[in-house]
């Protein structure tokens, strides 16, 4: 199977909507398009897609993160592979794209966050060499 990768474009919106819904995030296409445009216009963010034939079969978003209390690092902000293409090396390929992007930003660490319920995904990341650093809860409030 021949897979190639490239930077995400606004033209990928409908494919990204479909992939993102597979993980349970039912955002409207207008919002996904807005998010793609914002990410692609920010020098500290980027996103890549995996293509098979003419179909987008996966995507990864990555960001350079600066915090007061930590050394800057890069973080995978989202990673989705089409259900029909899982366990075929696509996720690994997209993680490699994120790692390369992080190296180009001058970082030697790549982080990600994963829902505690996604135990199969945890195993995937561990097979790629990621180590669990901590568990946390996310809190939010309407403003």
N, C-alpha and C. Protein backbone atom coordinates (compact mmCIF):
# COMPACT_ATOMS: atom_id res chain seq x y z
N UNK A 1 0.85 -1.18 0.00
CA UNK A 1 0.00 0.00 0.00
C UNK A 1 0.89 1.24 0.00
N UNK A 2 0.69 2.10 -0.96
CA UNK A 2 1.48 3.32 -1.06
C UNK A 2 0.76 4.47 -0.36
N UNK A 3 1.44 5.02 0.64
CA UNK A 3 0.90 6.13 1.43
C UNK A 3 1.87 7.29 1.30
N UNK A 4 1.33 8.49 1.13
CA UNK A 4 2.20 9.65 1.20
C UNK A 4 1.60 10.66 2.16
N UNK A 5 2.43 11.57 2.63
CA UNK A 5 2.00 12.58 3.60
C UNK A 5 2.27 13.96 3.03
N UNK A 6 1.50 14.91 3.51
CA UNK A 6 1.69 16.31 3.15
C UNK A 6 1.06 17.18 4.22
N UNK A 7 1.33 18.48 4.14
CA UNK A 7 0.70 19.42 5.07
C UNK A 7 -0.81 19.46 4.79
N UNK A 8 -1.57 19.62 5.83
CA UNK A 8 -3.02 19.74 5.70
C UNK A 8 -3.35 21.05 5.00
N UNK A 9 -4.44 21.07 4.26
CA UNK A 9 -4.92 22.28 3.61
C UNK A 9 -6.41 22.45 3.91
N UNK A 10 -6.96 23.64 3.72
CA UNK A 10 -8.40 23.82 3.90
C UNK A 10 -9.23 22.90 3.00
N UNK A 11 -8.68 22.49 1.88
CA UNK A 11 -9.38 21.57 1.00
C UNK A 11 -9.59 20.18 1.61
N UNK A 12 -8.94 19.89 2.70
CA UNK A 12 -9.09 18.61 3.39
C UNK A 12 -10.24 18.61 4.39
N UNK A 13 -10.94 19.70 4.51
CA UNK A 13 -11.93 19.88 5.58
C UNK A 13 -12.92 18.73 5.70
N UNK A 14 -13.57 18.35 4.63
CA UNK A 14 -14.62 17.31 4.73
C UNK A 14 -14.03 15.97 5.18
N UNK A 15 -12.85 15.64 4.70
CA UNK A 15 -12.20 14.40 5.13
C UNK A 15 -11.84 14.47 6.61
N UNK A 16 -11.37 15.63 7.05
CA UNK A 16 -11.00 15.80 8.47
C UNK A 16 -12.25 15.71 9.34
N UNK A 17 -13.36 16.27 8.88
CA UNK A 17 -14.63 16.16 9.62
C UNK A 17 -14.98 14.69 9.80
N UNK A 18 -14.94 13.92 8.73
CA UNK A 18 -15.30 12.50 8.80
C UNK A 18 -14.38 11.73 9.74
N UNK A 19 -13.08 11.97 9.63
CA UNK A 19 -12.13 11.27 10.49
C UNK A 19 -12.31 11.65 11.95
N UNK A 20 -12.51 12.91 12.20
CA UNK A 20 -12.65 13.41 13.57
C UNK A 20 -13.92 12.84 14.21
N UNK A 21 -14.96 12.68 13.43
CA UNK A 21 -16.21 12.09 13.96
C UNK A 21 -16.00 10.64 14.36
N UNK A 22 -15.07 9.94 13.71
CA UNK A 22 -14.80 8.55 14.07
C UNK A 22 -14.31 8.44 15.52
N UNK A 23 -13.71 9.51 16.03
CA UNK A 23 -13.25 9.50 17.42
C UNK A 23 -14.26 10.13 18.38
N UNK A 24 -15.43 10.52 17.85
CA UNK A 24 -16.48 11.05 18.72
C UNK A 24 -16.47 12.55 18.89
N UNK A 25 -15.86 13.28 17.96
CA UNK A 25 -15.84 14.74 18.02
C UNK A 25 -16.66 15.28 16.84
N UNK A 26 -17.96 15.50 17.04
CA UNK A 26 -18.85 15.87 15.93
C UNK A 26 -18.90 17.38 15.63
N UNK A 27 -17.76 17.97 15.39
CA UNK A 27 -17.74 19.40 15.06
C UNK A 27 -18.30 19.64 13.66
N UNK A 28 -18.93 20.78 13.48
CA UNK A 28 -19.45 21.17 12.17
C UNK A 28 -18.29 21.46 11.23
N UNK A 29 -18.51 21.25 9.96
CA UNK A 29 -17.44 21.47 8.98
C UNK A 29 -16.95 22.91 8.98
N UNK A 30 -17.84 23.87 9.25
CA UNK A 30 -17.42 25.27 9.31
C UNK A 30 -16.39 25.49 10.41
N UNK A 31 -16.61 24.85 11.56
CA UNK A 31 -15.68 24.99 12.68
C UNK A 31 -14.36 24.30 12.38
N UNK A 32 -14.42 23.12 11.78
CA UNK A 32 -13.19 22.41 11.41
C UNK A 32 -12.39 23.26 10.42
N UNK A 33 -13.06 23.85 9.44
CA UNK A 33 -12.36 24.71 8.47
C UNK A 33 -11.71 25.89 9.18
N UNK A 34 -12.43 26.52 10.09
CA UNK A 34 -11.87 27.64 10.86
C UNK A 34 -10.63 27.19 11.62
N UNK A 35 -10.71 26.02 12.23
CA UNK A 35 -9.58 25.49 13.01
C UNK A 35 -8.38 25.19 12.12
N UNK A 36 -8.64 24.59 10.95
CA UNK A 36 -7.54 24.29 10.02
C UNK A 36 -6.84 25.57 9.60
N UNK A 37 -7.61 26.58 9.24
CA UNK A 37 -7.02 27.85 8.81
C UNK A 37 -6.20 28.47 9.94
N UNK A 38 -6.72 28.43 11.16
CA UNK A 38 -6.00 29.00 12.30
C UNK A 38 -4.70 28.24 12.57
N UNK A 39 -4.77 26.91 12.54
CA UNK A 39 -3.57 26.10 12.79
C UNK A 39 -2.53 26.36 11.71
N UNK A 40 -2.95 26.34 10.46
CA UNK A 40 -2.00 26.45 9.36
C UNK A 40 -1.39 27.86 9.24
N UNK A 41 -2.02 28.84 9.85
CA UNK A 41 -1.47 30.20 9.79
C UNK A 41 -0.64 30.56 11.03
N UNK A 42 -0.50 29.62 11.96
CA UNK A 42 0.24 29.86 13.19
C UNK A 42 1.60 29.15 13.10
N UNK A 43 2.67 29.90 13.23
CA UNK A 43 4.02 29.32 13.08
C UNK A 43 4.33 28.27 14.14
N UNK A 44 3.61 28.27 15.25
CA UNK A 44 3.85 27.32 16.32
C UNK A 44 2.91 26.12 16.28
N UNK A 45 2.15 25.98 15.20
CA UNK A 45 1.25 24.84 15.00
C UNK A 45 1.43 24.32 13.58
N UNK A 46 1.09 23.07 13.38
CA UNK A 46 1.10 22.51 12.03
C UNK A 46 0.21 21.27 12.03
N UNK A 47 -0.10 20.78 10.85
CA UNK A 47 -0.91 19.57 10.73
C UNK A 47 -0.56 18.89 9.41
N UNK A 48 -0.63 17.57 9.42
CA UNK A 48 -0.27 16.76 8.27
C UNK A 48 -1.34 15.71 8.04
N UNK A 49 -1.48 15.31 6.79
CA UNK A 49 -2.43 14.25 6.44
C UNK A 49 -1.69 13.10 5.79
N UNK A 50 -2.26 11.91 5.94
CA UNK A 50 -1.79 10.72 5.23
C UNK A 50 -2.81 10.45 4.12
N UNK A 51 -2.29 10.13 2.93
CA UNK A 51 -3.13 9.95 1.75
C UNK A 51 -2.89 8.55 1.17
N UNK A 52 -3.98 7.89 0.82
CA UNK A 52 -3.91 6.63 0.07
C UNK A 52 -4.76 6.83 -1.18
N UNK A 53 -4.12 6.72 -2.35
CA UNK A 53 -4.83 7.07 -3.58
C UNK A 53 -5.12 8.55 -3.56
N UNK A 54 -6.39 8.90 -3.57
CA UNK A 54 -6.75 10.32 -3.45
C UNK A 54 -7.57 10.57 -2.18
N UNK A 55 -7.49 9.63 -1.24
CA UNK A 55 -8.28 9.72 -0.01
C UNK A 55 -7.41 10.06 1.19
N UNK A 56 -7.85 11.05 1.97
CA UNK A 56 -7.20 11.37 3.25
C UNK A 56 -7.62 10.28 4.23
N UNK A 57 -6.64 9.55 4.77
CA UNK A 57 -6.94 8.42 5.65
C UNK A 57 -6.46 8.65 7.08
N UNK A 58 -5.85 9.79 7.33
CA UNK A 58 -5.41 10.09 8.68
C UNK A 58 -4.86 11.50 8.76
N UNK A 59 -4.78 12.00 9.97
CA UNK A 59 -4.18 13.33 10.18
C UNK A 59 -3.56 13.41 11.57
N UNK A 60 -2.60 14.32 11.67
CA UNK A 60 -1.96 14.62 12.95
C UNK A 60 -1.79 16.13 13.05
N UNK A 61 -2.08 16.67 14.23
CA UNK A 61 -1.83 18.07 14.52
C UNK A 61 -0.76 18.16 15.58
N UNK A 62 0.11 19.14 15.45
CA UNK A 62 1.23 19.28 16.39
C UNK A 62 1.42 20.75 16.73
N UNK A 63 1.90 21.01 17.94
CA UNK A 63 2.11 22.39 18.38
C UNK A 63 3.37 22.49 19.22
N UNK A 64 3.99 23.65 19.14
CA UNK A 64 5.13 24.01 19.98
C UNK A 64 4.55 24.66 21.22
N UNK A 65 4.88 24.14 22.39
CA UNK A 65 4.27 24.62 23.63
C UNK A 65 5.30 25.26 24.55
N UNK A 66 4.98 26.47 24.99
CA UNK A 66 5.82 27.18 25.95
C UNK A 66 4.99 27.41 27.20
N UNK A 67 5.54 27.01 28.33
CA UNK A 67 4.91 27.23 29.61
C UNK A 67 5.94 27.80 30.57
N UNK A 68 5.50 28.55 31.53
CA UNK A 68 6.41 29.17 32.50
C UNK A 68 7.21 28.11 33.25
N UNK A 69 6.54 27.03 33.66
CA UNK A 69 7.15 26.07 34.58
C UNK A 69 7.84 24.89 33.92
N UNK A 70 7.94 24.90 32.58
CA UNK A 70 8.52 23.73 31.92
C UNK A 70 9.40 24.16 30.74
N UNK A 71 10.31 23.28 30.39
CA UNK A 71 11.12 23.49 29.18
C UNK A 71 10.18 23.38 27.98
N UNK A 72 10.32 24.25 26.98
CA UNK A 72 9.44 24.14 25.81
C UNK A 72 9.50 22.74 25.20
N UNK A 73 8.38 22.31 24.66
CA UNK A 73 8.28 20.98 24.04
C UNK A 73 7.27 21.04 22.91
N UNK A 74 7.23 20.00 22.12
CA UNK A 74 6.21 19.87 21.09
C UNK A 74 5.21 18.83 21.54
N UNK A 75 3.97 19.01 21.09
CA UNK A 75 2.90 18.14 21.54
C UNK A 75 1.99 17.78 20.36
N UNK A 76 1.68 16.51 20.27
CA UNK A 76 0.66 16.08 19.32
C UNK A 76 -0.67 16.51 19.90
N UNK A 77 -1.43 17.29 19.14
CA UNK A 77 -2.71 17.80 19.61
C UNK A 77 -3.88 16.98 19.10
N UNK A 78 -3.65 16.16 18.11
CA UNK A 78 -4.70 15.29 17.59
C UNK A 78 -4.09 14.30 16.63
N UNK A 79 -4.59 13.08 16.64
CA UNK A 79 -4.13 12.05 15.72
C UNK A 79 -5.30 11.12 15.46
N UNK A 80 -5.65 10.98 14.19
CA UNK A 80 -6.76 10.11 13.80
C UNK A 80 -6.35 9.34 12.56
N UNK A 81 -6.63 8.04 12.57
CA UNK A 81 -6.47 7.20 11.39
C UNK A 81 -7.82 6.55 11.11
N UNK A 82 -8.22 6.57 9.86
CA UNK A 82 -9.49 5.97 9.44
C UNK A 82 -9.59 4.54 9.96
N UNK A 83 -10.76 4.19 10.46
CA UNK A 83 -11.00 2.83 10.99
C UNK A 83 -10.51 1.74 10.03
N UNK A 84 -10.75 1.93 8.75
CA UNK A 84 -10.41 0.91 7.75
C UNK A 84 -8.91 0.78 7.51
N UNK A 85 -8.12 1.74 8.02
CA UNK A 85 -6.68 1.74 7.76
C UNK A 85 -5.85 1.56 9.03
N UNK A 86 -6.49 1.29 10.15
CA UNK A 86 -5.75 1.13 11.40
C UNK A 86 -4.93 -0.16 11.38
N UNK A 87 -3.85 -0.15 12.14
CA UNK A 87 -2.91 -1.28 12.26
C UNK A 87 -2.17 -1.56 10.96
N UNK A 88 -1.98 -0.52 10.16
CA UNK A 88 -1.25 -0.65 8.90
C UNK A 88 -0.03 0.29 8.84
N UNK A 89 0.33 0.88 9.98
CA UNK A 89 1.50 1.75 10.04
C UNK A 89 1.22 3.21 9.76
N UNK A 90 -0.03 3.58 9.55
CA UNK A 90 -0.37 4.97 9.23
C UNK A 90 -0.15 5.87 10.44
N UNK A 91 -0.61 5.42 11.60
CA UNK A 91 -0.42 6.21 12.83
C UNK A 91 1.05 6.43 13.12
N UNK A 92 1.83 5.38 12.97
CA UNK A 92 3.28 5.49 13.19
C UNK A 92 3.88 6.50 12.22
N UNK A 93 3.47 6.46 10.97
CA UNK A 93 3.97 7.41 9.97
C UNK A 93 3.63 8.85 10.36
N UNK A 94 2.41 9.07 10.83
CA UNK A 94 2.00 10.42 11.23
C UNK A 94 2.75 10.88 12.49
N UNK A 95 3.00 9.97 13.41
CA UNK A 95 3.80 10.31 14.60
C UNK A 95 5.22 10.69 14.16
N UNK A 96 5.76 9.98 13.20
CA UNK A 96 7.10 10.32 12.69
C UNK A 96 7.11 11.72 12.09
N UNK A 97 6.03 12.10 11.40
CA UNK A 97 5.92 13.47 10.86
C UNK A 97 5.96 14.49 12.00
N UNK A 98 5.23 14.20 13.08
CA UNK A 98 5.21 15.10 14.23
C UNK A 98 6.58 15.18 14.88
N UNK A 99 7.27 14.04 14.99
CA UNK A 99 8.61 14.03 15.57
C UNK A 99 9.57 14.88 14.74
N UNK A 100 9.50 14.72 13.45
CA UNK A 100 10.37 15.50 12.56
C UNK A 100 10.09 16.99 12.70
N UNK A 101 8.82 17.36 12.74
CA UNK A 101 8.43 18.76 12.90
C UNK A 101 9.00 19.30 14.22
N UNK A 102 8.88 18.50 15.29
CA UNK A 102 9.42 18.93 16.58
C UNK A 102 10.92 19.13 16.55
N UNK A 103 11.64 18.23 15.87
CA UNK A 103 13.10 18.39 15.73
C UNK A 103 13.43 19.67 14.98
N UNK A 104 12.66 19.96 13.93
CA UNK A 104 12.90 21.18 13.16
C UNK A 104 12.65 22.42 14.01
N UNK A 105 11.81 22.32 15.03
CA UNK A 105 11.56 23.43 15.95
C UNK A 105 12.62 23.50 17.05
N UNK A 106 13.57 22.55 17.03
CA UNK A 106 14.66 22.57 18.01
C UNK A 106 14.34 21.85 19.30
N UNK A 107 13.34 20.98 19.28
CA UNK A 107 12.95 20.26 20.49
C UNK A 107 13.47 18.84 20.48
N UNK A 108 13.62 18.30 21.67
CA UNK A 108 14.01 16.90 21.78
C UNK A 108 12.96 16.09 22.53
N UNK A 109 11.78 16.67 22.71
CA UNK A 109 10.71 15.97 23.41
C UNK A 109 9.39 16.18 22.68
N UNK A 110 8.64 15.11 22.53
CA UNK A 110 7.30 15.15 21.94
C UNK A 110 6.33 14.53 22.93
N UNK A 111 5.29 15.26 23.25
CA UNK A 111 4.28 14.79 24.20
C UNK A 111 2.96 14.62 23.48
N UNK A 112 2.05 13.95 24.16
CA UNK A 112 0.66 13.88 23.71
C UNK A 112 -0.21 13.56 24.89
N UNK A 113 -1.47 13.81 24.74
CA UNK A 113 -2.46 13.49 25.77
C UNK A 113 -3.46 12.53 25.14
N UNK A 114 -3.92 11.59 25.92
CA UNK A 114 -4.83 10.58 25.40
C UNK A 114 -5.88 10.30 26.46
N UNK A 115 -7.12 10.27 26.06
CA UNK A 115 -8.21 9.97 26.98
C UNK A 115 -7.94 8.67 27.72
N UNK A 116 -8.15 8.67 29.01
CA UNK A 116 -7.86 7.50 29.84
C UNK A 116 -8.68 6.29 29.41
N UNK A 117 -9.80 6.51 28.75
CA UNK A 117 -10.66 5.41 28.29
C UNK A 117 -10.10 4.69 27.07
N UNK A 118 -9.18 5.29 26.35
CA UNK A 118 -8.68 4.72 25.09
C UNK A 118 -7.48 3.79 25.36
N UNK A 119 -7.74 2.70 26.06
CA UNK A 119 -6.66 1.81 26.48
C UNK A 119 -5.91 1.19 25.30
N UNK A 120 -6.60 0.87 24.21
CA UNK A 120 -5.91 0.32 23.04
C UNK A 120 -4.95 1.35 22.44
N UNK A 121 -5.37 2.60 22.48
CA UNK A 121 -4.51 3.67 21.96
C UNK A 121 -3.29 3.85 22.84
N UNK A 122 -3.45 3.68 24.15
CA UNK A 122 -2.31 3.76 25.06
C UNK A 122 -1.25 2.74 24.65
N UNK A 123 -1.69 1.53 24.34
CA UNK A 123 -0.76 0.47 23.92
C UNK A 123 -0.05 0.84 22.63
N UNK A 124 -0.77 1.44 21.70
CA UNK A 124 -0.17 1.90 20.44
C UNK A 124 0.96 2.87 20.72
N UNK A 125 0.71 3.86 21.55
CA UNK A 125 1.74 4.85 21.86
C UNK A 125 2.93 4.22 22.59
N UNK A 126 2.66 3.31 23.48
CA UNK A 126 3.74 2.64 24.19
C UNK A 126 4.60 1.82 23.23
N UNK A 127 3.97 1.17 22.25
CA UNK A 127 4.74 0.41 21.25
C UNK A 127 5.65 1.33 20.43
N UNK A 128 5.25 2.59 20.30
CA UNK A 128 6.08 3.56 19.57
C UNK A 128 7.17 4.16 20.44
N UNK A 129 7.20 3.80 21.72
CA UNK A 129 8.25 4.29 22.60
C UNK A 129 7.85 5.39 23.55
N UNK A 130 6.60 5.84 23.49
CA UNK A 130 6.14 6.85 24.44
C UNK A 130 6.04 6.21 25.82
N UNK A 131 6.37 7.00 26.83
CA UNK A 131 6.26 6.57 28.23
C UNK A 131 5.22 7.44 28.92
N UNK A 132 4.41 6.82 29.77
CA UNK A 132 3.42 7.59 30.51
C UNK A 132 4.13 8.48 31.52
N UNK A 133 3.85 9.78 31.44
CA UNK A 133 4.50 10.74 32.32
C UNK A 133 3.64 11.11 33.52
N UNK A 134 2.32 11.19 33.32
CA UNK A 134 1.43 11.52 34.43
C UNK A 134 -0.01 11.32 34.00
N UNK A 135 -0.89 11.29 34.98
CA UNK A 135 -2.32 11.29 34.73
C UNK A 135 -2.87 12.59 35.28
N UNK A 136 -3.90 13.10 34.65
CA UNK A 136 -4.48 14.34 35.13
C UNK A 136 -5.96 14.39 34.79
N UNK A 137 -6.65 15.30 35.40
CA UNK A 137 -8.06 15.55 35.09
C UNK A 137 -8.14 16.89 34.39
N UNK A 138 -9.12 17.03 33.54
CA UNK A 138 -9.34 18.28 32.83
C UNK A 138 -10.60 18.92 33.41
N UNK A 139 -10.51 20.16 33.80
CA UNK A 139 -11.63 20.91 34.32
C UNK A 139 -11.95 22.04 33.36
N UNK A 140 -13.23 22.38 33.25
CA UNK A 140 -13.59 23.53 32.43
C UNK A 140 -14.82 24.21 33.03
N UNK A 141 -14.99 25.45 32.63
CA UNK A 141 -16.12 26.25 33.11
C UNK A 141 -16.59 27.13 31.97
N UNK A 142 -17.87 27.35 31.89
CA UNK A 142 -18.41 28.26 30.89
C UNK A 142 -18.03 29.68 31.28
N UNK A 143 -17.60 30.47 30.29
CA UNK A 143 -17.24 31.88 30.59
C UNK A 143 -18.01 32.83 29.67
